[in-house]
Protein backbone atom coordinates (compact mmCIF):
# COMPACT_ATOMS: atom_id res chain seq x y z
CA MET A 1 6.49 5.56 -15.47
CA THR A 2 4.75 3.97 -12.55
CA ILE A 3 5.22 4.72 -8.71
CA PHE A 4 4.29 2.55 -6.35
CA VAL A 5 4.12 3.45 -2.49
CA SER A 6 2.94 1.74 0.50
CA ASP A 7 3.00 1.81 4.50
CA THR A 8 2.34 5.33 4.65
CA HIS A 9 0.03 4.55 7.90
CA PHE A 10 -2.09 7.81 7.65
CA GLY A 11 -2.90 7.95 11.00
CA ARG A 12 -0.08 6.55 12.89
CA SER A 13 1.94 9.19 14.12
CA PRO A 14 1.34 12.64 16.12
CA GLY A 15 -0.17 14.99 13.89
CA ASP A 16 2.85 16.98 12.85
CA GLU A 17 4.63 13.88 12.02
CA ASP A 18 1.51 12.58 9.79
CA ARG A 19 1.36 16.23 8.30
CA ALA A 20 4.50 16.13 7.26
CA SER A 21 4.61 12.65 5.44
CA GLU A 22 1.45 13.93 3.78
CA ARG A 23 3.06 16.89 2.67
CA ASP A 24 6.15 15.34 1.22
CA LEU A 25 4.05 12.53 -0.37
CA ILE A 26 1.80 15.17 -2.06
CA SER A 27 5.18 17.07 -3.35
CA CYS A 28 6.76 13.97 -4.76
CA LEU A 29 3.62 13.42 -6.95
CA ASP A 30 3.51 16.46 -7.72
CA ARG A 31 6.80 16.70 -9.04
CA ALA A 32 6.38 13.25 -10.84
CA ARG A 33 3.11 14.01 -12.43
CA PRO A 34 4.91 15.08 -15.60
CA ALA A 35 5.65 11.54 -16.54
CA LEU A 36 3.52 9.63 -14.31
CA ASP A 37 1.71 7.18 -16.47
CA ALA A 38 -0.24 5.10 -13.08
CA LEU A 39 -0.01 5.25 -9.18
CA TYR A 40 -0.36 2.07 -7.08
CA LEU A 41 -1.22 2.62 -3.82
CA VAL A 42 0.23 -0.81 -2.10
CA GLY A 43 -1.37 -1.24 0.91
CA ASP A 44 -1.31 0.40 4.84
CA ILE A 45 -2.05 3.68 3.54
CA PHE A 46 -4.22 4.22 6.28
CA GLU A 47 -3.27 3.02 9.79
CA HIS A 48 -6.81 2.07 10.49
CA TYR A 49 -9.59 2.21 8.29
CA VAL A 50 -13.03 1.29 8.62
CA GLU A 51 -15.52 2.45 6.08
CA TYR A 52 -19.15 2.64 6.85
CA ARG A 53 -22.10 3.47 4.44
CA HIS A 54 -22.16 7.10 5.07
CA VAL A 55 -19.38 7.59 7.07
CA VAL A 56 -15.46 7.65 5.93
CA PRO A 57 -12.62 8.32 8.47
CA ARG A 58 -11.78 12.03 8.95
CA GLY A 59 -8.33 13.10 7.86
CA PHE A 60 -5.97 13.28 4.75
CA VAL A 61 -8.05 15.30 2.74
CA ARG A 62 -5.65 17.24 0.65
CA PHE A 63 -4.09 13.79 -0.46
CA GLN A 64 -7.20 12.53 -1.32
CA ALA A 65 -7.81 15.74 -3.48
CA LEU A 66 -4.58 14.85 -5.19
CA LEU A 67 -5.66 11.42 -5.80
CA ALA A 68 -8.80 12.91 -7.61
CA GLU A 69 -6.79 15.39 -9.60
CA LEU A 70 -5.11 12.54 -10.57
CA THR A 71 -8.01 10.14 -11.90
CA ASP A 72 -9.63 13.40 -13.58
CA GLY A 73 -6.80 13.57 -15.57
CA GLY A 74 -6.59 10.51 -16.26
CA ILE A 75 -4.09 8.63 -14.69
CA PRO A 76 -5.10 5.50 -13.53
CA VAL A 77 -5.18 4.66 -9.44
CA LYS A 78 -5.27 1.53 -8.30
CA TYR A 79 -5.09 0.96 -4.11
CA ILE A 80 -4.34 -2.66 -3.36
CA VAL A 81 -5.25 -2.94 0.32
CA GLY A 82 -3.23 -3.89 2.98
CA ASN A 83 -3.84 -5.53 6.59
CA HIS A 84 -4.12 -2.24 8.33
CA ASP A 85 -6.91 -0.50 5.46
CA PRO A 86 -9.28 -3.47 4.20
CA TRP A 87 -12.52 -2.47 5.28
CA HIS A 88 -13.21 -0.45 2.15
CA LYS A 89 -16.68 0.05 0.51
CA ASP A 90 -17.00 2.25 -2.70
CA TYR A 91 -16.01 5.77 -1.65
CA PHE A 92 -12.42 5.65 -2.98
CA ARG A 93 -14.60 4.18 -6.35
CA LYS A 94 -17.42 6.43 -6.16
CA GLU A 95 -15.86 9.97 -5.07
CA LEU A 96 -12.10 9.44 -6.28
CA GLY A 97 -12.24 7.48 -9.15
CA ILE A 98 -9.61 4.69 -7.63
CA GLU A 99 -9.90 1.07 -8.24
CA THR A 100 -9.47 -1.09 -4.93
CA VAL A 101 -8.27 -4.61 -4.62
CA GLN A 102 -8.54 -6.98 -2.31
CA GLY A 103 -5.70 -9.67 -2.72
CA HIS A 104 -3.05 -8.63 -5.55
CA THR A 105 -3.37 -7.57 -9.25
CA ILE A 106 -1.61 -8.68 -12.16
CA ASP A 107 -1.20 -5.82 -14.86
CA SER A 108 0.71 -5.45 -18.06
CA LEU A 109 2.78 -1.95 -17.78
CA HIS A 110 5.20 -0.55 -19.75
CA GLY A 111 6.00 -3.71 -21.66
CA PHE A 112 6.35 -6.13 -18.07
CA THR A 113 4.08 -8.34 -16.47
CA VAL A 114 3.56 -7.11 -13.03
CA PHE A 115 2.12 -9.04 -9.60
CA VAL A 116 1.04 -6.27 -7.26
CA ALA A 117 0.26 -7.36 -3.42
CA HIS A 118 0.51 -5.86 -0.34
CA GLY A 119 2.07 -9.23 1.21
CA ASP A 120 0.41 -10.10 4.25
CA GLY A 121 -0.46 -13.49 4.45
CA MET A 122 2.18 -14.24 2.07
CA GLY A 123 5.40 -16.58 2.24
CA PRO A 124 6.25 -19.48 4.82
CA ASP A 125 6.37 -16.87 8.02
CA ALA A 126 2.50 -15.81 7.50
CA GLY A 127 1.27 -18.53 10.08
CA VAL A 128 -1.71 -18.12 11.71
CA TYR A 129 -2.25 -14.71 10.20
CA ARG A 130 -2.97 -16.81 6.27
CA LEU A 131 -5.71 -18.71 8.29
CA LEU A 132 -7.17 -15.33 9.74
CA LYS A 133 -7.08 -13.38 6.56
CA PRO A 134 -10.11 -14.63 4.79
CA VAL A 135 -12.12 -14.53 8.09
CA LEU A 136 -11.03 -10.96 8.65
CA ARG A 137 -12.34 -9.55 5.15
CA HIS A 138 -15.41 -12.16 5.07
CA PRO A 139 -18.33 -9.90 4.54
CA LEU A 140 -20.40 -11.24 7.18
CA PRO A 141 -17.93 -10.35 10.02
CA VAL A 142 -17.26 -6.80 8.32
CA SER A 143 -21.08 -5.95 8.14
CA LEU A 144 -21.54 -6.93 11.51
CA TYR A 145 -18.25 -4.70 12.99
CA ARG A 146 -20.18 -1.56 11.10
CA GLY A 147 -23.62 -2.66 11.57
CA LEU A 148 -23.56 -3.55 15.51
CA LEU A 149 -20.87 -0.67 16.29
CA PRO A 150 -21.05 3.07 15.65
CA ALA A 151 -18.49 5.07 13.62
CA ASP A 152 -16.78 6.07 16.87
CA LEU A 153 -16.35 3.07 18.56
CA GLY A 154 -15.81 1.21 15.64
CA MET A 155 -12.72 3.12 14.68
CA GLY A 156 -12.18 3.74 18.42
CA ILE A 157 -11.39 0.03 18.46
CA ALA A 158 -9.22 0.07 15.56
CA LYS A 159 -7.01 2.72 17.05
CA TRP A 160 -6.39 1.39 20.27
CA TYR A 161 -5.65 -2.27 18.49
CA SER A 162 -3.07 -0.62 16.44
CA ARG A 163 -1.50 1.27 19.46
CA HIS A 164 -1.31 -1.95 21.51
CA PHE A 165 -0.38 -4.29 18.95
CA ARG A 166 1.69 -2.85 17.05
CA SER A 167 5.63 -3.27 16.56
CA GLU A 168 8.17 -0.64 15.63
CA SER A 169 10.93 -2.65 15.18
CA ILE A 170 11.80 -4.57 11.77
CA ASN A 171 10.58 -8.08 11.38
CA GLU A 172 13.61 -9.82 9.98
CA ARG A 173 11.66 -13.11 9.42
CA ARG A 174 8.85 -11.52 7.86
CA THR A 175 11.20 -9.66 5.46
CA ALA A 176 13.24 -13.12 4.67
CA SER A 177 9.51 -14.50 3.98
CA LEU A 178 8.16 -12.06 1.98
CA ARG A 179 11.37 -12.03 -0.50
CA ARG A 180 10.68 -16.20 -0.39
CA ALA A 181 7.31 -15.70 -1.63
CA ALA A 182 8.62 -13.52 -4.30
CA MET A 183 11.07 -15.98 -5.58
CA ASP A 184 8.51 -18.55 -5.75
CA LEU A 185 6.06 -16.43 -7.69
CA LEU A 186 8.80 -15.33 -10.32
CA ALA A 187 9.77 -18.98 -10.37
CA GLU A 188 6.25 -20.34 -10.99
CA ASN A 189 4.69 -17.59 -13.16
CA PRO A 190 5.32 -15.81 -16.42
CA TYR A 191 6.04 -12.57 -14.02
CA ASP A 192 8.72 -10.50 -14.69
CA LEU A 193 8.32 -8.25 -11.72
CA VAL A 194 6.62 -8.79 -8.52
CA VAL A 195 6.01 -5.76 -6.05
CA LEU A 196 5.12 -6.09 -2.36
CA GLY A 197 4.77 -3.53 0.85
CA HIS A 198 4.28 -5.06 3.98
CA SER A 199 8.24 -5.61 5.39
CA HIS A 200 8.71 -1.80 5.88
CA VAL A 201 12.29 -3.10 4.30
CA PRO A 202 13.12 -1.55 0.52
CA GLU A 203 14.22 -4.53 -1.53
CA LEU A 204 15.31 -5.09 -5.13
CA ILE A 205 16.59 -8.12 -6.04
CA GLY A 206 16.53 -9.74 -9.38
CA VAL A 207 15.68 -13.56 -8.92
CA ASN A 208 14.64 -16.55 -11.37
CA GLY A 209 14.77 -14.38 -14.21
CA GLY A 210 12.63 -11.68 -12.95
CA THR A 211 12.65 -9.04 -10.18
CA TYR A 212 11.19 -8.48 -6.93
CA VAL A 213 10.80 -5.06 -5.27
CA ASN A 214 9.91 -4.05 -2.08
CA CYS A 215 8.64 -0.21 -1.80
CA GLY A 216 9.95 -0.03 1.34
CA CYS A 217 8.06 2.28 3.88
CA TRP A 218 6.80 5.65 3.29
CA TYR A 219 6.28 7.46 6.74
CA SER A 220 9.56 6.38 8.09
CA ASP A 221 12.14 6.37 5.17
CA ARG A 222 10.17 7.94 2.20
CA THR A 223 10.53 5.38 -0.09
CA VAL A 224 8.60 4.36 -3.58
CA ALA A 225 9.61 2.06 -6.16
CA ILE A 226 9.05 3.05 -9.78
CA LEU A 227 8.89 1.27 -13.12
CA ASP A 228 9.50 2.84 -16.63
CA GLU A 229 10.77 0.90 -20.02
CA LYS A 230 14.14 0.88 -18.85
CA GLY A 231 12.91 -1.38 -15.48
CA PRO A 232 12.28 -1.14 -11.76
CA ALA A 233 14.16 0.90 -9.20
CA LEU A 234 13.73 2.22 -5.90
CA LYS A 235 13.74 5.80 -4.80
CA ARG A 236 13.55 7.69 -1.80
CA TRP A 237 12.28 11.45 -1.65
CA VAL A 238 14.84 14.08 -0.13
CA GLY A 239 14.37 17.42 0.14
CA SER A 240 12.58 17.78 -2.84
CA SER A 241 13.55 15.03 -5.25
CA LEU A 242 13.45 11.69 -5.59
CA VAL A 243 16.80 10.05 -5.17
CA ASP A 244 18.22 6.46 -6.54
CA GLY A 245 19.15 4.37 -3.33
CA GLU A 246 17.31 2.53 -0.66
């Protein structure tokens, strides 16, 4: 079984809520571990993430410890970064054994060809952000931000921006735009499955001979997508188990 989880947004909520979200995800992965073949972190795992040469953002070490246990045990973990957490260097690779991916990945899993991306900048509603995304992730501005701003100031600006410009409501246009992007990918490529996050809306839709699944939002709904030989499914962590349903 492969698990896909996105939009945990660790660091977004007050301390108790963040700790509960982290604790539930650890419990979920621990419960699934005997059957787990791979784990995909599908972006926006952190609400804000700026990694410096010698400094990484504090917090959520219990979750990171579990990731290290998984990779040490031979379970691959792949981290497709999102719009909130793209500024990684090599900490996750060197310390936790995790491959970080900018953009998307195409993998063969359980007999399915799977396209996985966070989803930011995709679809007809991406608009101006599609043009800004390459600039925001270009090595030059990223290096200047890291090099000119001390870590406390750099992270402080990222936290301020997140607090003042995030939306708590579901963006229906974004949801529809990502759905359209997934349909186009399935129509134009030999993919069996497209997995996205970003919209915060869990969806599982059969289209164009394949399937589109959106992981939904862990921090608010505790949803994940899974894939095994039977195909994809959406699950929700309730109490101490994964149950069917969006």
